[in-house]
């Protein structure tokens, strides 16, 4: 989780530098962030499979991120959406440069901007999944119906009394 957080911060630094038209402060080593995604993403996917095994496919992300604080969920959704927008802008800027060379032919800062948008999304998702995995047991054990009965992680109604489950606001 901490390694994914570090990757997120470093890719954010590369991205901001690229947006400002500056060279990456890490130079060619910045491309290590591309490889680093696999270091955190493979464990995140394995952990995610165990987090979502008792849930329906449509609730995949809700299940995977259920133990995350709201700000972390919103940050994850933001970076995911931003990666899509950033990629579209990257392609448009690359096509409009007039070189006719295709994707990646732009300036080095534009190329870093294009890639770092995806790095941020992948690192943030991995960080959130791994955070959720660390805290899921306490989160799931704390789920109770309004009458105090313990309920399962995917229950919408209490198995004992049938009362609708109302999710409590997370304070983390």
C-alpha atoms as a PDB file:
ATOM      1  CA  UNK A   1       0.000   0.000   0.000  1.00  0.00           C
ATOM      2  CA  UNK A   2       2.774   2.434   0.920  1.00  0.00           C
ATOM      3  CA  UNK A   3       4.718   1.586  -2.219  1.00  0.00           C
ATOM      4  CA  UNK A   4       1.606   2.323  -4.301  1.00  0.00           C
ATOM      5  CA  UNK A   5       1.199   5.621  -2.422  1.00  0.00           C
ATOM      6  CA  UNK A   6       4.820   6.512  -3.182  1.00  0.00           C
ATOM      7  CA  UNK A   7       4.278   5.641  -6.851  1.00  0.00           C
ATOM      8  CA  UNK A   8       1.227   7.890  -6.884  1.00  0.00           C
ATOM      9  CA  UNK A   9       3.157  10.820  -5.424  1.00  0.00           C
ATOM     10  CA  UNK A  10       6.110  10.354  -7.790  1.00  0.00           C
ATOM     11  CA  UNK A  11       3.864  10.028 -10.847  1.00  0.00           C
ATOM     12  CA  UNK A  12       1.981  13.143  -9.734  1.00  0.00           C
ATOM     13  CA  UNK A  13       5.291  15.041  -9.588  1.00  0.00           C
ATOM     14  CA  UNK A  14       6.188  13.849 -13.099  1.00  0.00           C
ATOM     15  CA  UNK A  15       2.699  14.788 -14.311  1.00  0.00           C
ATOM     16  CA  UNK A  16       2.740  18.289 -12.839  1.00  0.00           C
ATOM     17  CA  UNK A  17       6.214  18.895 -14.289  1.00  0.00           C
ATOM     18  CA  UNK A  18       4.945  17.785 -17.691  1.00  0.00           C
ATOM     19  CA  UNK A  19       1.887  20.034 -17.450  1.00  0.00           C
ATOM     20  CA  UNK A  20       4.229  22.954 -16.764  1.00  0.00           C
ATOM     21  CA  UNK A  21       6.323  21.996 -19.793  1.00  0.00           C
ATOM     22  CA  UNK A  22       9.294  21.150 -17.603  1.00  0.00           C
ATOM     23  CA  UNK A  23      11.464  18.068 -17.961  1.00  0.00           C
ATOM     24  CA  UNK A  24      10.801  15.290 -15.497  1.00  0.00           C
ATOM     25  CA  UNK A  25      12.731  15.959 -12.287  1.00  0.00           C
ATOM     26  CA  UNK A  26      13.683  12.264 -12.233  1.00  0.00           C
ATOM     27  CA  UNK A  27      14.952  12.176 -15.821  1.00  0.00           C
ATOM     28  CA  UNK A  28      14.862   8.842 -17.639  1.00  0.00           C
ATOM     29  CA  UNK A  29      14.401   7.059 -14.300  1.00  0.00           C
ATOM     30  CA  UNK A  30      10.780   8.272 -14.494  1.00  0.00           C
ATOM     31  CA  UNK A  31      10.122   5.341 -16.817  1.00  0.00           C
ATOM     32  CA  UNK A  32      10.684   3.105 -13.798  1.00  0.00           C
ATOM     33  CA  UNK A  33       7.227   4.218 -12.686  1.00  0.00           C
ATOM     34  CA  UNK A  34       5.893   2.355 -15.705  1.00  0.00           C
ATOM     35  CA  UNK A  35       7.403  -0.902 -14.439  1.00  0.00           C
ATOM     36  CA  UNK A  36       6.536  -0.104 -10.821  1.00  0.00           C
ATOM     37  CA  UNK A  37       2.848  -0.324 -11.655  1.00  0.00           C
ATOM     38  CA  UNK A  38       3.214  -4.095 -12.047  1.00  0.00           C
ATOM     39  CA  UNK A  39       4.985  -4.364  -8.695  1.00  0.00           C
ATOM     40  CA  UNK A  40       1.888  -3.004  -6.918  1.00  0.00           C
ATOM     41  CA  UNK A  41      -0.823  -3.922  -9.406  1.00  0.00           C
ATOM     42  CA  UNK A  42      -0.298  -7.692  -9.461  1.00  0.00           C
ATOM     43  CA  UNK A  43      -0.676  -8.024  -5.654  1.00  0.00           C
ATOM     44  CA  UNK A  44      -3.618  -5.609  -5.753  1.00  0.00           C
ATOM     45  CA  UNK A  45      -5.455  -7.763  -8.306  1.00  0.00           C
ATOM     46  CA  UNK A  46      -4.789 -10.924  -6.295  1.00  0.00           C
ATOM     47  CA  UNK A  47      -6.029  -9.254  -3.098  1.00  0.00           C
ATOM     48  CA  UNK A  48      -9.015  -7.776  -4.918  1.00  0.00           C
ATOM     49  CA  UNK A  49     -10.141 -11.251  -5.987  1.00  0.00           C
ATOM     50  CA  UNK A  50     -10.480 -12.238  -2.339  1.00  0.00           C
ATOM     51  CA  UNK A  51     -12.226  -8.960  -1.453  1.00  0.00           C
ATOM     52  CA  UNK A  52     -14.943  -9.406  -4.084  1.00  0.00           C
ATOM     53  CA  UNK A  53     -15.509 -13.176  -4.081  1.00  0.00           C
ATOM     54  CA  UNK A  54     -18.819 -12.970  -2.159  1.00  0.00           C
ATOM     55  CA  UNK A  55     -20.207 -10.065  -4.186  1.00  0.00           C
ATOM     56  CA  UNK A  56     -22.035  -9.723  -7.468  1.00  0.00           C
ATOM     57  CA  UNK A  57     -20.040  -8.486 -10.465  1.00  0.00           C
ATOM     58  CA  UNK A  58     -21.986  -5.210 -10.532  1.00  0.00           C
ATOM     59  CA  UNK A  59     -20.767  -4.446  -6.998  1.00  0.00           C
ATOM     60  CA  UNK A  60     -17.124  -5.198  -7.779  1.00  0.00           C
ATOM     61  CA  UNK A  61     -15.666  -1.762  -7.018  1.00  0.00           C
ATOM     62  CA  UNK A  62     -17.972  -1.169  -4.080  1.00  0.00           C
ATOM     63  CA  UNK A  63     -16.805  -4.464  -2.600  1.00  0.00           C
ATOM     64  CA  UNK A  64     -13.122  -3.909  -3.380  1.00  0.00           C
ATOM     65  CA  UNK A  65     -13.051  -0.434  -1.844  1.00  0.00           C
ATOM     66  CA  UNK A  66     -15.573  -0.990   0.957  1.00  0.00           C
ATOM     67  CA  UNK A  67     -13.107  -0.432   3.803  1.00  0.00           C
ATOM     68  CA  UNK A  68     -11.636   2.758   2.293  1.00  0.00           C
ATOM     69  CA  UNK A  69     -12.546   6.158   3.693  1.00  0.00           C
ATOM     70  CA  UNK A  70     -14.736   8.230   1.373  1.00  0.00           C
ATOM     71  CA  UNK A  71     -11.932  10.633   0.467  1.00  0.00           C
ATOM     72  CA  UNK A  72      -9.825   7.713  -0.786  1.00  0.00           C
ATOM     73  CA  UNK A  73     -12.699   6.366  -2.882  1.00  0.00           C
ATOM     74  CA  UNK A  74     -13.288   9.809  -4.383  1.00  0.00           C
ATOM     75  CA  UNK A  75      -9.560  10.238  -5.050  1.00  0.00           C
ATOM     76  CA  UNK A  76      -9.509   6.871  -6.819  1.00  0.00           C
ATOM     77  CA  UNK A  77     -12.532   7.723  -8.957  1.00  0.00           C
ATOM     78  CA  UNK A  78     -11.020  11.144  -9.729  1.00  0.00           C
ATOM     79  CA  UNK A  79      -7.708   9.720 -10.944  1.00  0.00           C
ATOM     80  CA  UNK A  80      -9.475   7.060 -12.989  1.00  0.00           C
ATOM     81  CA  UNK A  81     -11.650   9.682 -14.714  1.00  0.00           C
ATOM     82  CA  UNK A  82      -8.703  12.029 -15.083  1.00  0.00           C
ATOM     83  CA  UNK A  83      -6.653   9.289 -16.772  1.00  0.00           C
ATOM     84  CA  UNK A  84      -9.350   8.917 -19.433  1.00  0.00           C
ATOM     85  CA  UNK A  85      -9.602  12.675 -20.008  1.00  0.00           C
ATOM     86  CA  UNK A  86      -5.816  13.041 -20.006  1.00  0.00           C
ATOM     87  CA  UNK A  87      -5.447  10.251 -22.573  1.00  0.00           C
ATOM     88  CA  UNK A  88      -8.013  11.846 -24.894  1.00  0.00           C
ATOM     89  CA  UNK A  89      -6.192  15.192 -24.635  1.00  0.00           C
ATOM     90  CA  UNK A  90      -2.847  13.448 -25.204  1.00  0.00           C
ATOM     91  CA  UNK A  91      -4.117  11.860 -28.421  1.00  0.00           C
ATOM     92  CA  UNK A  92      -5.700  15.123 -29.640  1.00  0.00           C
ATOM     93  CA  UNK A  93      -2.498  17.089 -28.923  1.00  0.00           C
ATOM     94  CA  UNK A  94      -0.401  14.408 -30.619  1.00  0.00           C
ATOM     95  CA  UNK A  95      -2.571  14.378 -33.740  1.00  0.00           C
ATOM     96  CA  UNK A  96      -2.663  18.158 -33.898  1.00  0.00           C
ATOM     97  CA  UNK A  97       1.149  18.519 -33.730  1.00  0.00           C
ATOM     98  CA  UNK A  98       1.173  17.987 -37.485  1.00  0.00           C
ATOM     99  CA  UNK A  99       4.109  15.594 -37.546  1.00  0.00           C
ATOM    100  CA  UNK A 100       2.016  12.695 -38.782  1.00  0.00           C
ATOM    101  CA  UNK A 101       4.144  10.308 -36.739  1.00  0.00           C
ATOM    102  CA  UNK A 102       1.303   9.118 -34.552  1.00  0.00           C
ATOM    103  CA  UNK A 103       1.054   8.548 -30.828  1.00  0.00           C
ATOM    104  CA  UNK A 104       4.074   9.460 -28.754  1.00  0.00           C
ATOM    105  CA  UNK A 105       5.664  11.782 -31.310  1.00  0.00           C
ATOM    106  CA  UNK A 106       5.096  14.873 -29.217  1.00  0.00           C
ATOM    107  CA  UNK A 107       7.484  16.668 -26.937  1.00  0.00           C
ATOM    108  CA  UNK A 108       9.023  14.676 -24.062  1.00  0.00           C
ATOM    109  CA  UNK A 109       6.890  16.547 -21.537  1.00  0.00           C
ATOM    110  CA  UNK A 110       3.734  15.711 -23.537  1.00  0.00           C
ATOM    111  CA  UNK A 111       4.720  12.031 -23.612  1.00  0.00           C
ATOM    112  CA  UNK A 112       5.356  12.049 -19.856  1.00  0.00           C
ATOM    113  CA  UNK A 113       2.012  13.799 -19.360  1.00  0.00           C
ATOM    114  CA  UNK A 114       0.254  11.121 -21.369  1.00  0.00           C
ATOM    115  CA  UNK A 115       1.812   8.206 -19.507  1.00  0.00           C
ATOM    116  CA  UNK A 116       1.810   9.724 -16.020  1.00  0.00           C
ATOM    117  CA  UNK A 117      -1.968  10.167 -16.140  1.00  0.00           C
ATOM    118  CA  UNK A 118      -2.294   6.389 -16.321  1.00  0.00           C
ATOM    119  CA  UNK A 119       0.413   5.862 -13.727  1.00  0.00           C
ATOM    120  CA  UNK A 120      -1.512   7.996 -11.245  1.00  0.00           C
ATOM    121  CA  UNK A 121      -4.719   6.037 -11.834  1.00  0.00           C
ATOM    122  CA  UNK A 122      -3.098   2.619 -11.483  1.00  0.00           C
ATOM    123  CA  UNK A 123      -1.093   3.552  -8.400  1.00  0.00           C
ATOM    124  CA  UNK A 124      -4.128   5.138  -6.740  1.00  0.00           C
ATOM    125  CA  UNK A 125      -6.378   2.130  -7.450  1.00  0.00           C
ATOM    126  CA  UNK A 126      -3.709  -0.258  -6.134  1.00  0.00           C
ATOM    127  CA  UNK A 127      -3.250   1.851  -3.009  1.00  0.00           C
ATOM    128  CA  UNK A 128      -7.008   1.924  -2.336  1.00  0.00           C
ATOM    129  CA  UNK A 129      -7.468  -1.821  -2.898  1.00  0.00           C
ATOM    130  CA  UNK A 130      -4.563  -2.677  -0.608  1.00  0.00           C
ATOM    131  CA  UNK A 131      -5.795  -0.213   2.032  1.00  0.00           C
ATOM    132  CA  UNK A 132      -9.225  -1.809   1.881  1.00  0.00           C
ATOM    133  CA  UNK A 133      -7.725  -5.279   2.238  1.00  0.00           C
ATOM    134  CA  UNK A 134      -5.845  -4.212   5.369  1.00  0.00           C
ATOM    135  CA  UNK A 135      -8.967  -2.725   6.993  1.00  0.00           C
ATOM    136  CA  UNK A 136     -11.744  -4.957   5.620  1.00  0.00           C
ATOM    137  CA  UNK A 137     -11.930  -7.282   8.617  1.00  0.00           C
ATOM    138  CA  UNK A 138     -12.628  -4.470  11.090  1.00  0.00           C
ATOM    139  CA  UNK A 139     -15.017  -2.857   8.591  1.00  0.00           C
ATOM    140  CA  UNK A 140     -16.999  -6.046   7.999  1.00  0.00           C
ATOM    141  CA  UNK A 141     -17.097  -6.963  11.704  1.00  0.00           C
ATOM    142  CA  UNK A 142     -18.446  -3.496  12.520  1.00  0.00           C
ATOM    143  CA  UNK A 143     -21.432  -3.860  10.134  1.00  0.00           C
ATOM    144  CA  UNK A 144     -24.603  -4.228  12.131  1.00  0.00           C
ATOM    145  CA  UNK A 145     -28.277  -3.644  11.509  1.00  0.00           C
ATOM    146  CA  UNK A 146     -30.064  -0.852  13.426  1.00  0.00           C
ATOM    147  CA  UNK A 147     -31.117  -3.504  15.981  1.00  0.00           C
ATOM    148  CA  UNK A 148     -27.489  -4.460  16.648  1.00  0.00           C
ATOM    149  CA  UNK A 149     -27.325  -7.782  14.836  1.00  0.00           C
ATOM    150  CA  UNK A 150     -24.100  -8.501  12.905  1.00  0.00           C
ATOM    151  CA  UNK A 151     -24.610  -8.624   9.131  1.00  0.00           C
ATOM    152  CA  UNK A 152     -22.486  -9.856   6.241  1.00  0.00           C
ATOM    153  CA  UNK A 153     -20.413  -7.526   4.068  1.00  0.00           C
ATOM    154  CA  UNK A 154     -22.848  -7.625   1.148  1.00  0.00           C
ATOM    155  CA  UNK A 155     -26.127  -7.797   3.091  1.00  0.00           C
ATOM    156  CA  UNK A 156     -28.787  -5.225   2.264  1.00  0.00           C
ATOM    157  CA  UNK A 157     -31.101  -6.548   4.974  1.00  0.00           C
ATOM    158  CA  UNK A 158     -30.378  -8.149   8.346  1.00  0.00           C
ATOM    159  CA  UNK A 159     -30.411 -11.931   8.089  1.00  0.00           C
ATOM    160  CA  UNK A 160     -31.858 -12.165  11.627  1.00  0.00           C
ATOM    161  CA  UNK A 161     -34.614  -9.525  11.778  1.00  0.00           C
ATOM    162  CA  UNK A 162     -35.004  -8.346   8.154  1.00  0.00           C
ATOM    163  CA  UNK A 163     -34.270  -4.672   8.906  1.00  0.00           C
ATOM    164  CA  UNK A 164     -32.800  -2.645   6.043  1.00  0.00           C
ATOM    165  CA  UNK A 165     -29.080  -2.001   6.499  1.00  0.00           C
ATOM    166  CA  UNK A 166     -28.138   1.673   6.598  1.00  0.00           C
ATOM    167  CA  UNK A 167     -24.453   2.323   6.003  1.00  0.00           C
ATOM    168  CA  UNK A 168     -22.885   4.524   8.658  1.00  0.00           C
ATOM    169  CA  UNK A 169     -20.718   7.498   7.698  1.00  0.00           C
ATOM    170  CA  UNK A 170     -17.067   6.581   7.860  1.00  0.00           C
ATOM    171  CA  UNK A 171     -15.010   8.896   9.999  1.00  0.00           C
ATOM    172  CA  UNK A 172     -11.550   7.855   8.731  1.00  0.00           C
END
